[in-house]
Amino acid sequence: MANQVTTVSAPLVPANAVSSAGLMAAVDGDPRQILARAQAPAADQAGFLARLFSLPDITVEAVVDNGLTPLAAEIVDLTDQGVTFAATTKRQIKWRHWIQTDNDRFYVEYEQWVLGGSTPALLGTRRVLHAHGVIAGANVAYGVCHAVANYDSSDTAILTAVAGSIADGSTAGSSIGDVSTNTATLTHPVARDAGKRILGVNASADVATASEALHASVFPVNTTTMSIFTADLATPSADGFDDDGRLEVSFFILPPGDCNLVINSTHVELQITGIASDETRHRVEVLLGRAVQVAFQGS
């Protein structure tokens, strides 16, 4: 198959029953008016009431087919839904993205600010607030993750608790194996290549017996593993632990598939990307922040 095709399967309307024409009244309106509208027996009462309880402003679902080439495609155009981005203001957008395949579930929550104007602009880089997954029934963690292993003098990884527990120190679904030929494999939940990065690595030796000082470096190999290379700085040479030791790696990963905030001409929209050769169902909930005035000051 060629590029993936996205089919929106839910109405592109605010989920809380506020019409697109009245959406900004619920988002940016005077709190007294929002409260009054929430108590009024009108068709959009539920929408203003939902705003008081911080429920999503827009909800949309879609299915992406199992094409071989993942293709980012619009799931909702915020501008078309009545969301305004006035000049000299900026607005925070939060969105929650659920994605399911035949046996896996993933969730990521993002946020980013948008600067208003005739052509809005994205500010900074989108931030991940929370991410997790369930892969074939197993709980896994995404976002900022950590993997830890203790070693005996034969470079065998010693786990003192179930991976993902506080005692072990590894986040759910991640682990580090034995050191063999100065290389250990870090295994993590299946992740997209884009955005995968190493935040830090440490090789610690037993202070009671060790005289070595190991250096460790990490290289991402594929969607589920990274290679940790160890070397003795004193010699220097490729080496493992001569005595008891410990490897720790902090890293950042995101689940496969994506949902990204983009500027398309003068419109602000959310685009989703499926997973190669997998049919995926997506649900996106959008929470809109109130417009904040950021006009220039002085000369």
C-alpha atoms as a PDB file:
ATOM      1  CA  MET A   1       0.000   0.000   0.000  1.00  0.00           C
ATOM      2  CA  ALA A   2       1.019   3.624  -0.443  1.00  0.00           C
ATOM      3  CA  ASN A   3       0.561   6.505   1.972  1.00  0.00           C
ATOM      4  CA  GLN A   4      -1.800   6.088   4.897  1.00  0.00           C
ATOM      5  CA  VAL A   5      -5.296   7.547   4.627  1.00  0.00           C
ATOM      6  CA  THR A   6      -7.028   9.242   7.565  1.00  0.00           C
ATOM      7  CA  THR A   7     -10.799   9.039   7.899  1.00  0.00           C
ATOM      8  CA  VAL A   8     -12.369  11.334  10.473  1.00  0.00           C
ATOM      9  CA  SER A   9     -15.136   9.330  12.129  1.00  0.00           C
ATOM     10  CA  ALA A  10     -16.603  11.835  14.607  1.00  0.00           C
ATOM     11  CA  PRO A  11     -18.216  15.233  14.016  1.00  0.00           C
ATOM     12  CA  LEU A  12     -15.735  18.090  14.159  1.00  0.00           C
ATOM     13  CA  VAL A  13     -17.730  20.004  16.753  1.00  0.00           C
ATOM     14  CA  PRO A  14     -16.930  21.035  20.308  1.00  0.00           C
ATOM     15  CA  ALA A  15     -17.642  17.975  22.395  1.00  0.00           C
ATOM     16  CA  ASN A  16     -19.302  19.971  25.139  1.00  0.00           C
ATOM     17  CA  ALA A  17     -22.155  21.182  22.908  1.00  0.00           C
ATOM     18  CA  VAL A  18     -21.043  24.801  22.442  1.00  0.00           C
ATOM     19  CA  SER A  19     -21.456  25.772  18.786  1.00  0.00           C
ATOM     20  CA  SER A  20     -18.334  26.875  16.950  1.00  0.00           C
ATOM     21  CA  ALA A  21     -19.797  30.379  16.792  1.00  0.00           C
ATOM     22  CA  GLY A  22     -20.085  30.501  20.576  1.00  0.00           C
ATOM     23  CA  LEU A  23     -16.954  28.580  21.482  1.00  0.00           C
ATOM     24  CA  MET A  24     -14.857  31.649  22.241  1.00  0.00           C
ATOM     25  CA  ALA A  25     -17.585  33.006  24.532  1.00  0.00           C
ATOM     26  CA  ALA A  26     -17.076  29.920  26.671  1.00  0.00           C
ATOM     27  CA  VAL A  27     -13.269  30.098  26.478  1.00  0.00           C
ATOM     28  CA  ASP A  28     -12.537  33.837  26.780  1.00  0.00           C
ATOM     29  CA  GLY A  29     -15.795  35.174  28.208  1.00  0.00           C
ATOM     30  CA  ASP A  30     -16.326  36.920  31.527  1.00  0.00           C
ATOM     31  CA  PRO A  31     -16.548  34.218  34.254  1.00  0.00           C
ATOM     32  CA  ARG A  32     -19.859  35.708  35.419  1.00  0.00           C
ATOM     33  CA  GLN A  33     -21.330  35.322  31.952  1.00  0.00           C
ATOM     34  CA  ILE A  34     -19.982  31.780  31.654  1.00  0.00           C
ATOM     35  CA  LEU A  35     -21.612  30.913  34.968  1.00  0.00           C
ATOM     36  CA  ALA A  36     -24.876  32.529  33.893  1.00  0.00           C
ATOM     37  CA  ARG A  37     -24.894  30.668  30.565  1.00  0.00           C
ATOM     38  CA  ALA A  38     -24.146  27.410  32.401  1.00  0.00           C
ATOM     39  CA  GLN A  39     -27.272  27.941  34.501  1.00  0.00           C
ATOM     40  CA  ALA A  40     -29.507  29.107  31.647  1.00  0.00           C
ATOM     41  CA  PRO A  41     -31.919  26.572  30.099  1.00  0.00           C
ATOM     42  CA  ALA A  42     -30.449  26.926  26.604  1.00  0.00           C
ATOM     43  CA  ALA A  43     -29.208  24.470  23.985  1.00  0.00           C
ATOM     44  CA  ASP A  44     -25.560  25.266  24.742  1.00  0.00           C
ATOM     45  CA  GLN A  45     -25.959  25.151  28.541  1.00  0.00           C
ATOM     46  CA  ALA A  46     -23.989  21.920  28.815  1.00  0.00           C
ATOM     47  CA  GLY A  47     -21.066  23.471  26.950  1.00  0.00           C
ATOM     48  CA  PHE A  48     -20.662  26.375  29.349  1.00  0.00           C
ATOM     49  CA  LEU A  49     -21.183  24.052  32.308  1.00  0.00           C
ATOM     50  CA  ALA A  50     -18.457  21.738  30.938  1.00  0.00           C
ATOM     51  CA  ARG A  51     -16.109  24.724  30.701  1.00  0.00           C
ATOM     52  CA  LEU A  52     -16.497  25.288  34.446  1.00  0.00           C
ATOM     53  CA  PHE A  53     -15.335  21.709  35.080  1.00  0.00           C
ATOM     54  CA  SER A  54     -12.333  21.892  32.683  1.00  0.00           C
ATOM     55  CA  LEU A  55     -13.727  19.332  30.253  1.00  0.00           C
ATOM     56  CA  PRO A  56     -12.397  19.290  26.657  1.00  0.00           C
ATOM     57  CA  ASP A  57     -13.492  22.094  24.346  1.00  0.00           C
ATOM     58  CA  ILE A  58     -13.180  19.989  21.189  1.00  0.00           C
ATOM     59  CA  THR A  59     -13.155  16.210  20.775  1.00  0.00           C
ATOM     60  CA  VAL A  60     -12.597  14.362  17.505  1.00  0.00           C
ATOM     61  CA  GLU A  61     -11.888  10.771  16.466  1.00  0.00           C
ATOM     62  CA  ALA A  62     -10.409   9.249  13.329  1.00  0.00           C
ATOM     63  CA  VAL A  63      -9.173   5.969  11.866  1.00  0.00           C
ATOM     64  CA  VAL A  64      -5.901   5.693   9.941  1.00  0.00           C
ATOM     65  CA  ASP A  65      -5.579   2.731   7.563  1.00  0.00           C
ATOM     66  CA  ASN A  66      -2.646   0.318   7.435  1.00  0.00           C
ATOM     67  CA  GLY A  67      -0.679   1.927   4.620  1.00  0.00           C
ATOM     68  CA  LEU A  68       3.063   1.263   4.596  1.00  0.00           C
ATOM     69  CA  THR A  69       4.067   4.935   4.698  1.00  0.00           C
ATOM     70  CA  PRO A  70       2.853   6.976   7.711  1.00  0.00           C
ATOM     71  CA  LEU A  71       1.480  10.311   6.556  1.00  0.00           C
ATOM     72  CA  ALA A  72       0.585  13.265   8.784  1.00  0.00           C
ATOM     73  CA  ALA A  73      -2.987  14.376   8.051  1.00  0.00           C
ATOM     74  CA  GLU A  74      -5.406  16.844   9.565  1.00  0.00           C
ATOM     75  CA  ILE A  75      -7.755  15.564  12.243  1.00  0.00           C
ATOM     76  CA  VAL A  76      -9.154  18.968  13.253  1.00  0.00           C
ATOM     77  CA  ASP A  77      -8.674  22.543  12.078  1.00  0.00           C
ATOM     78  CA  LEU A  78      -8.966  24.716  15.184  1.00  0.00           C
ATOM     79  CA  THR A  79      -9.425  27.870  13.115  1.00  0.00           C
ATOM     80  CA  ASP A  80     -12.344  26.319  11.221  1.00  0.00           C
ATOM     81  CA  GLN A  81     -13.866  25.335  14.561  1.00  0.00           C
ATOM     82  CA  GLY A  82     -14.024  28.976  15.590  1.00  0.00           C
ATOM     83  CA  VAL A  83     -10.889  29.180  17.734  1.00  0.00           C
ATOM     84  CA  THR A  84      -9.462  32.694  17.416  1.00  0.00           C
ATOM     85  CA  PHE A  85      -5.848  33.805  17.669  1.00  0.00           C
ATOM     86  CA  ALA A  86      -6.030  37.590  17.854  1.00  0.00           C
ATOM     87  CA  ALA A  87      -3.013  39.823  17.270  1.00  0.00           C
ATOM     88  CA  THR A  88      -1.030  40.824  20.410  1.00  0.00           C
ATOM     89  CA  THR A  89      -2.310  37.745  22.259  1.00  0.00           C
ATOM     90  CA  LYS A  90      -1.069  34.256  22.848  1.00  0.00           C
ATOM     91  CA  ARG A  91      -3.067  31.169  23.779  1.00  0.00           C
ATOM     92  CA  GLN A  92      -2.055  27.881  25.364  1.00  0.00           C
ATOM     93  CA  ILE A  93      -3.281  24.720  23.644  1.00  0.00           C
ATOM     94  CA  LYS A  94      -3.326  21.381  25.441  1.00  0.00           C
ATOM     95  CA  TRP A  95      -4.259  18.200  23.641  1.00  0.00           C
ATOM     96  CA  ARG A  96      -4.651  14.572  24.695  1.00  0.00           C
ATOM     97  CA  HIS A  97      -3.958  11.889  22.124  1.00  0.00           C
ATOM     98  CA  TRP A  98      -5.137   8.296  22.408  1.00  0.00           C
ATOM     99  CA  ILE A  99      -4.096   5.755  19.775  1.00  0.00           C
ATOM    100  CA  GLN A 100      -5.055   2.071  19.568  1.00  0.00           C
ATOM    101  CA  THR A 101      -3.968  -0.791  17.349  1.00  0.00           C
ATOM    102  CA  ASP A 102      -5.239  -4.384  17.393  1.00  0.00           C
ATOM    103  CA  ASN A 103      -3.428  -5.137  20.679  1.00  0.00           C
ATOM    104  CA  ASP A 104      -1.673  -1.955  21.856  1.00  0.00           C
ATOM    105  CA  ARG A 105      -2.843   1.304  23.432  1.00  0.00           C
ATOM    106  CA  PHE A 106      -0.863   4.555  23.723  1.00  0.00           C
ATOM    107  CA  TYR A 107      -1.562   7.936  25.305  1.00  0.00           C
ATOM    108  CA  VAL A 108       0.328  11.245  25.188  1.00  0.00           C
ATOM    109  CA  GLU A 109      -0.686  14.629  26.580  1.00  0.00           C
ATOM    110  CA  TYR A 110       0.954  17.718  25.050  1.00  0.00           C
ATOM    111  CA  GLU A 111       0.904  21.493  25.440  1.00  0.00           C
ATOM    112  CA  GLN A 112       2.149  24.431  23.360  1.00  0.00           C
ATOM    113  CA  TRP A 113       1.552  28.184  23.111  1.00  0.00           C
ATOM    114  CA  VAL A 114       0.379  29.945  19.953  1.00  0.00           C
ATOM    115  CA  LEU A 115       1.108  33.607  19.195  1.00  0.00           C
ATOM    116  CA  GLY A 116      -1.891  35.281  17.538  1.00  0.00           C
ATOM    117  CA  GLY A 117      -1.970  37.379  14.397  1.00  0.00           C
ATOM    118  CA  SER A 118      -3.081  37.183  10.782  1.00  0.00           C
ATOM    119  CA  THR A 119      -0.675  34.247  10.526  1.00  0.00           C
ATOM    120  CA  PRO A 120      -0.420  32.606  13.976  1.00  0.00           C
ATOM    121  CA  ALA A 121       2.948  31.235  15.106  1.00  0.00           C
ATOM    122  CA  LEU A 122       3.887  28.328  17.350  1.00  0.00           C
ATOM    123  CA  LEU A 123       5.991  29.351  20.355  1.00  0.00           C
ATOM    124  CA  GLY A 124       8.792  27.158  21.678  1.00  0.00           C
ATOM    125  CA  THR A 125       8.504  23.392  21.308  1.00  0.00           C
ATOM    126  CA  ARG A 126       5.511  21.280  22.251  1.00  0.00           C
ATOM    127  CA  ARG A 127       5.938  19.765  25.704  1.00  0.00           C
ATOM    128  CA  VAL A 128       4.976  16.275  26.797  1.00  0.00           C
ATOM    129  CA  LEU A 129       3.011  16.373  30.041  1.00  0.00           C
ATOM    130  CA  HIS A 130       2.370  12.647  30.396  1.00  0.00           C
ATOM    131  CA  ALA A 131       2.802   9.522  28.279  1.00  0.00           C
ATOM    132  CA  HIS A 132       2.190   5.816  28.784  1.00  0.00           C
ATOM    133  CA  GLY A 133       1.167   2.689  26.931  1.00  0.00           C
ATOM    134  CA  VAL A 134      -0.150  -0.854  27.238  1.00  0.00           C
ATOM    135  CA  ILE A 135       1.646  -3.201  24.830  1.00  0.00           C
ATOM    136  CA  ALA A 136       0.140  -6.680  24.529  1.00  0.00           C
ATOM    137  CA  GLY A 137      -1.214  -6.287  28.061  1.00  0.00           C
ATOM    138  CA  ALA A 138       2.028  -4.967  29.598  1.00  0.00           C
ATOM    139  CA  ASN A 139       2.204  -1.534  31.245  1.00  0.00           C
ATOM    140  CA  VAL A 140       4.963   0.699  29.820  1.00  0.00           C
ATOM    141  CA  ALA A 141       6.136   4.280  30.337  1.00  0.00           C
ATOM    142  CA  TYR A 142       7.049   6.970  27.811  1.00  0.00           C
ATOM    143  CA  GLY A 143       8.362  10.506  28.006  1.00  0.00           C
ATOM    144  CA  VAL A 144      11.368  10.873  30.315  1.00  0.00           C
ATOM    145  CA  CYS A 145      12.400   7.307  31.192  1.00  0.00           C
ATOM    146  CA  HIS A 146      15.159   5.664  33.211  1.00  0.00           C
ATOM    147  CA  ALA A 147      16.886   2.271  33.099  1.00  0.00           C
ATOM    148  CA  VAL A 148      19.158   0.856  35.816  1.00  0.00           C
ATOM    149  CA  ALA A 149      21.169  -2.330  36.313  1.00  0.00           C
ATOM    150  CA  ASN A 150      23.584  -3.443  39.042  1.00  0.00           C
ATOM    151  CA  TYR A 151      26.465  -5.759  38.078  1.00  0.00           C
ATOM    152  CA  ASP A 152      28.653  -8.339  39.738  1.00  0.00           C
ATOM    153  CA  SER A 153      32.327  -8.770  38.839  1.00  0.00           C
ATOM    154  CA  SER A 154      31.380 -11.025  35.900  1.00  0.00           C
ATOM    155  CA  ASP A 155      29.364  -8.193  34.317  1.00  0.00           C
ATOM    156  CA  THR A 156      26.064  -9.997  34.931  1.00  0.00           C
ATOM    157  CA  ALA A 157      23.102  -7.694  35.460  1.00  0.00           C
ATOM    158  CA  ILE A 158      21.518  -8.141  38.886  1.00  0.00           C
ATOM    159  CA  LEU A 159      17.933  -6.986  39.277  1.00  0.00           C
ATOM    160  CA  THR A 160      16.768  -6.544  42.855  1.00  0.00           C
ATOM    161  CA  ALA A 161      13.092  -5.980  42.041  1.00  0.00           C
ATOM    162  CA  VAL A 162      10.571  -6.113  39.245  1.00  0.00           C
ATOM    163  CA  ALA A 163      11.415  -3.635  36.488  1.00  0.00           C
ATOM    164  CA  GLY A 164       9.387  -0.472  36.873  1.00  0.00           C
ATOM    165  CA  SER A 165       9.284  -0.550  40.665  1.00  0.00           C
ATOM    166  CA  ILE A 166      10.767   2.184  42.825  1.00  0.00           C
ATOM    167  CA  ALA A 167      13.285  -0.272  44.285  1.00  0.00           C
ATOM    168  CA  ASP A 168      14.636  -1.169  40.865  1.00  0.00           C
ATOM    169  CA  GLY A 169      14.732   2.408  39.578  1.00  0.00           C
ATOM    170  CA  SER A 170      13.757   1.532  35.989  1.00  0.00           C
ATOM    171  CA  THR A 171      10.581   2.939  34.467  1.00  0.00           C
ATOM    172  CA  ALA A 172       7.940   0.463  33.321  1.00  0.00           C
ATOM    173  CA  GLY A 173       9.028  -1.531  30.269  1.00  0.00           C
ATOM    174  CA  SER A 174      12.727  -0.554  30.295  1.00  0.00           C
ATOM    175  CA  SER A 175      15.732  -2.598  31.422  1.00  0.00           C
ATOM    176  CA  ILE A 176      19.488  -3.071  30.886  1.00  0.00           C
ATOM    177  CA  GLY A 177      21.072  -6.478  30.253  1.00  0.00           C
ATOM    178  CA  ASP A 178      24.491  -8.043  30.902  1.00  0.00           C
ATOM    179  CA  VAL A 179      27.705  -6.393  29.730  1.00  0.00           C
ATOM    180  CA  SER A 180      29.284  -8.536  27.001  1.00  0.00           C
ATOM    181  CA  THR A 181      32.325  -7.419  25.001  1.00  0.00           C
ATOM    182  CA  ASN A 182      32.032  -3.977  26.621  1.00  0.00           C
ATOM    183  CA  THR A 183      28.416  -3.621  25.397  1.00  0.00           C
ATOM    184  CA  ALA A 184      25.116  -3.765  27.263  1.00  0.00           C
ATOM    185  CA  THR A 185      21.685  -3.578  25.619  1.00  0.00           C
ATOM    186  CA  LEU A 186      19.060  -1.193  26.933  1.00  0.00           C
ATOM    187  CA  THR A 187      15.590  -2.449  26.000  1.00  0.00           C
ATOM    188  CA  HIS A 188      12.658  -0.026  26.067  1.00  0.00           C
ATOM    189  CA  PRO A 189       9.017   0.024  24.848  1.00  0.00           C
ATOM    190  CA  VAL A 190       8.533   0.341  21.097  1.00  0.00           C
ATOM    191  CA  ALA A 191       9.054   3.995  20.195  1.00  0.00           C
ATOM    192  CA  ARG A 192       9.150   6.299  17.210  1.00  0.00           C
ATOM    193  CA  ASP A 193      12.625   7.256  15.949  1.00  0.00           C
ATOM    194  CA  ALA A 194      11.859  10.986  15.769  1.00  0.00           C
ATOM    195  CA  GLY A 195      12.327  12.586  19.157  1.00  0.00           C
ATOM    196  CA  LYS A 196      14.239   9.672  20.677  1.00  0.00           C
ATOM    197  CA  ARG A 197      17.168  11.050  22.639  1.00  0.00           C
ATOM    198  CA  ILE A 198      19.655  10.360  25.432  1.00  0.00           C
ATOM    199  CA  LEU A 199      19.462  12.647  28.465  1.00  0.00           C
ATOM    200  CA  GLY A 200      22.286  11.193  30.555  1.00  0.00           C
ATOM    201  CA  VAL A 201      24.346   8.079  31.287  1.00  0.00           C
ATOM    202  CA  ASN A 202      26.383   7.065  34.309  1.00  0.00           C
ATOM    203  CA  ALA A 203      28.731   4.136  35.045  1.00  0.00           C
ATOM    204  CA  SER A 204      29.280   3.739  38.803  1.00  0.00           C
ATOM    205  CA  ALA A 205      31.765   1.382  40.434  1.00  0.00           C
ATOM    206  CA  ASP A 206      31.616  -0.191  43.912  1.00  0.00           C
ATOM    207  CA  VAL A 207      33.440   2.356  46.101  1.00  0.00           C
ATOM    208  CA  ALA A 208      34.562  -0.356  48.530  1.00  0.00           C
ATOM    209  CA  THR A 209      36.488  -2.458  46.032  1.00  0.00           C
ATOM    210  CA  ALA A 210      36.782  -0.697  42.689  1.00  0.00           C
ATOM    211  CA  SER A 211      39.773   1.229  41.464  1.00  0.00           C
ATOM    212  CA  GLU A 212      38.488   1.592  37.909  1.00  0.00           C
ATOM    213  CA  ALA A 213      36.723   4.564  36.344  1.00  0.00           C
ATOM    214  CA  LEU A 214      34.467   3.458  33.514  1.00  0.00           C
ATOM    215  CA  HIS A 215      33.090   5.706  30.810  1.00  0.00           C
ATOM    216  CA  ALA A 216      29.751   4.802  29.188  1.00  0.00           C
ATOM    217  CA  SER A 217      28.169   6.092  25.982  1.00  0.00           C
ATOM    218  CA  VAL A 218      24.783   5.250  24.468  1.00  0.00           C
ATOM    219  CA  PHE A 219      23.660   4.883  20.865  1.00  0.00           C
ATOM    220  CA  PRO A 220      20.002   4.365  19.817  1.00  0.00           C
ATOM    221  CA  VAL A 221      19.910   1.238  17.622  1.00  0.00           C
ATOM    222  CA  ASN A 222      16.263   0.791  16.589  1.00  0.00           C
ATOM    223  CA  THR A 223      12.708   1.305  17.848  1.00  0.00           C
ATOM    224  CA  THR A 224      13.173  -0.927  20.929  1.00  0.00           C
ATOM    225  CA  THR A 225      16.879  -0.965  21.887  1.00  0.00           C
ATOM    226  CA  MET A 226      19.927   1.166  22.573  1.00  0.00           C
ATOM    227  CA  SER A 227      23.539   0.033  22.922  1.00  0.00           C
ATOM    228  CA  ILE A 228      25.595   1.070  25.944  1.00  0.00           C
ATOM    229  CA  PHE A 229      29.362   0.965  25.311  1.00  0.00           C
ATOM    230  CA  THR A 230      31.735   0.902  28.297  1.00  0.00           C
ATOM    231  CA  ALA A 231      35.456   1.721  28.394  1.00  0.00           C
ATOM    232  CA  ASP A 232      38.167   1.897  31.064  1.00  0.00           C
ATOM    233  CA  LEU A 233      39.506   5.455  31.168  1.00  0.00           C
ATOM    234  CA  ALA A 234      42.705   4.503  33.008  1.00  0.00           C
ATOM    235  CA  THR A 235      44.095   2.297  30.242  1.00  0.00           C
ATOM    236  CA  PRO A 236      42.199   3.449  28.091  1.00  0.00           C
ATOM    237  CA  SER A 237      40.512   0.417  26.526  1.00  0.00           C
ATOM    238  CA  ALA A 238      37.143  -1.197  26.006  1.00  0.00           C
ATOM    239  CA  ASP A 239      36.243  -2.860  29.288  1.00  0.00           C
ATOM    240  CA  GLY A 240      33.414  -3.909  31.599  1.00  0.00           C
ATOM    241  CA  PHE A 241      33.273  -3.887  35.401  1.00  0.00           C
ATOM    242  CA  ASP A 242      36.178  -5.603  37.200  1.00  0.00           C
ATOM    243  CA  ASP A 243      34.230  -5.353  40.455  1.00  0.00           C
ATOM    244  CA  ASP A 244      30.590  -4.662  41.291  1.00  0.00           C
ATOM    245  CA  GLY A 245      29.135  -1.776  39.297  1.00  0.00           C
ATOM    246  CA  ARG A 246      26.022  -0.001  38.126  1.00  0.00           C
ATOM    247  CA  LEU A 247      24.769   1.481  34.849  1.00  0.00           C
ATOM    248  CA  GLU A 248      22.082   4.142  34.666  1.00  0.00           C
ATOM    249  CA  VAL A 249      20.630   5.811  31.581  1.00  0.00           C
ATOM    250  CA  SER A 250      18.030   8.576  31.373  1.00  0.00           C
ATOM    251  CA  PHE A 251      16.371   8.957  27.991  1.00  0.00           C
ATOM    252  CA  PHE A 252      13.291  10.313  26.238  1.00  0.00           C
ATOM    253  CA  ILE A 253      10.987   8.274  23.998  1.00  0.00           C
ATOM    254  CA  LEU A 254       7.503   8.650  22.549  1.00  0.00           C
ATOM    255  CA  PRO A 255       5.116   5.915  21.397  1.00  0.00           C
ATOM    256  CA  PRO A 256       4.616   5.192  17.682  1.00  0.00           C
ATOM    257  CA  GLY A 257       2.125   7.371  15.865  1.00  0.00           C
ATOM    258  CA  ASP A 258       1.847  11.089  16.557  1.00  0.00           C
ATOM    259  CA  CYS A 259      -0.424  14.080  17.027  1.00  0.00           C
ATOM    260  CA  ASN A 260       1.149  17.462  16.343  1.00  0.00           C
ATOM    261  CA  LEU A 261       0.031  21.090  16.400  1.00  0.00           C
ATOM    262  CA  VAL A 262       0.946  22.805  13.126  1.00  0.00           C
ATOM    263  CA  ILE A 263       0.410  26.067  11.249  1.00  0.00           C
ATOM    264  CA  ASN A 264      -1.164  25.392   7.848  1.00  0.00           C
ATOM    265  CA  SER A 265      -1.147  28.667   5.909  1.00  0.00           C
ATOM    266  CA  THR A 266      -3.067  30.955   8.292  1.00  0.00           C
ATOM    267  CA  HIS A 267      -4.858  28.137  10.126  1.00  0.00           C
ATOM    268  CA  VAL A 268      -3.905  26.284  13.315  1.00  0.00           C
ATOM    269  CA  GLU A 269      -4.622  22.577  13.078  1.00  0.00           C
ATOM    270  CA  LEU A 270      -3.834  19.250  14.689  1.00  0.00           C
ATOM    271  CA  GLN A 271      -2.416  16.491  12.505  1.00  0.00           C
ATOM    272  CA  ILE A 272      -2.177  12.794  13.335  1.00  0.00           C
ATOM    273  CA  THR A 273       0.176  10.136  12.019  1.00  0.00           C
ATOM    274  CA  GLY A 274      -0.544   6.419  12.125  1.00  0.00           C
ATOM    275  CA  ILE A 275       1.796   3.424  12.375  1.00  0.00           C
ATOM    276  CA  ALA A 276       3.205   1.710   9.308  1.00  0.00           C
ATOM    277  CA  SER A 277       1.228  -1.441   8.378  1.00  0.00           C
ATOM    278  CA  ASP A 278      -1.136  -1.007  11.357  1.00  0.00           C
ATOM    279  CA  GLU A 279      -4.704   0.247  11.317  1.00  0.00           C
ATOM    280  CA  THR A 280      -5.003   2.747  14.172  1.00  0.00           C
ATOM    281  CA  ARG A 281      -7.862   4.519  15.937  1.00  0.00           C
ATOM    282  CA  HIS A 282      -7.186   8.012  17.269  1.00  0.00           C
ATOM    283  CA  ARG A 283      -9.023  10.202  19.762  1.00  0.00           C
ATOM    284  CA  VAL A 284      -7.938  13.791  20.351  1.00  0.00           C
ATOM    285  CA  GLU A 285      -9.282  16.063  23.073  1.00  0.00           C
ATOM    286  CA  VAL A 286      -8.395  19.758  22.911  1.00  0.00           C
ATOM    287  CA  LEU A 287      -8.361  22.091  25.919  1.00  0.00           C
ATOM    288  CA  LEU A 288      -8.083  25.776  25.081  1.00  0.00           C
ATOM    289  CA  GLY A 289      -6.440  28.335  27.353  1.00  0.00           C
ATOM    290  CA  ARG A 290      -7.774  31.875  27.635  1.00  0.00           C
ATOM    291  CA  ALA A 291      -6.156  34.487  25.386  1.00  0.00           C
ATOM    292  CA  VAL A 292      -3.408  36.443  27.151  1.00  0.00           C
ATOM    293  CA  GLN A 293      -2.473  39.983  26.074  1.00  0.00           C
ATOM    294  CA  VAL A 294       1.219  40.285  25.131  1.00  0.00           C
ATOM    295  CA  ALA A 295       1.319  43.651  23.353  1.00  0.00           C
ATOM    296  CA  PHE A 296       4.710  45.366  23.068  1.00  0.00           C
ATOM    297  CA  GLN A 297       5.519  48.009  25.695  1.00  0.00           C
ATOM    298  CA  GLY A 298       7.621  51.125  25.397  1.00  0.00           C
ATOM    299  CA  SER A 299       9.801  52.348  22.531  1.00  0.00           C
END
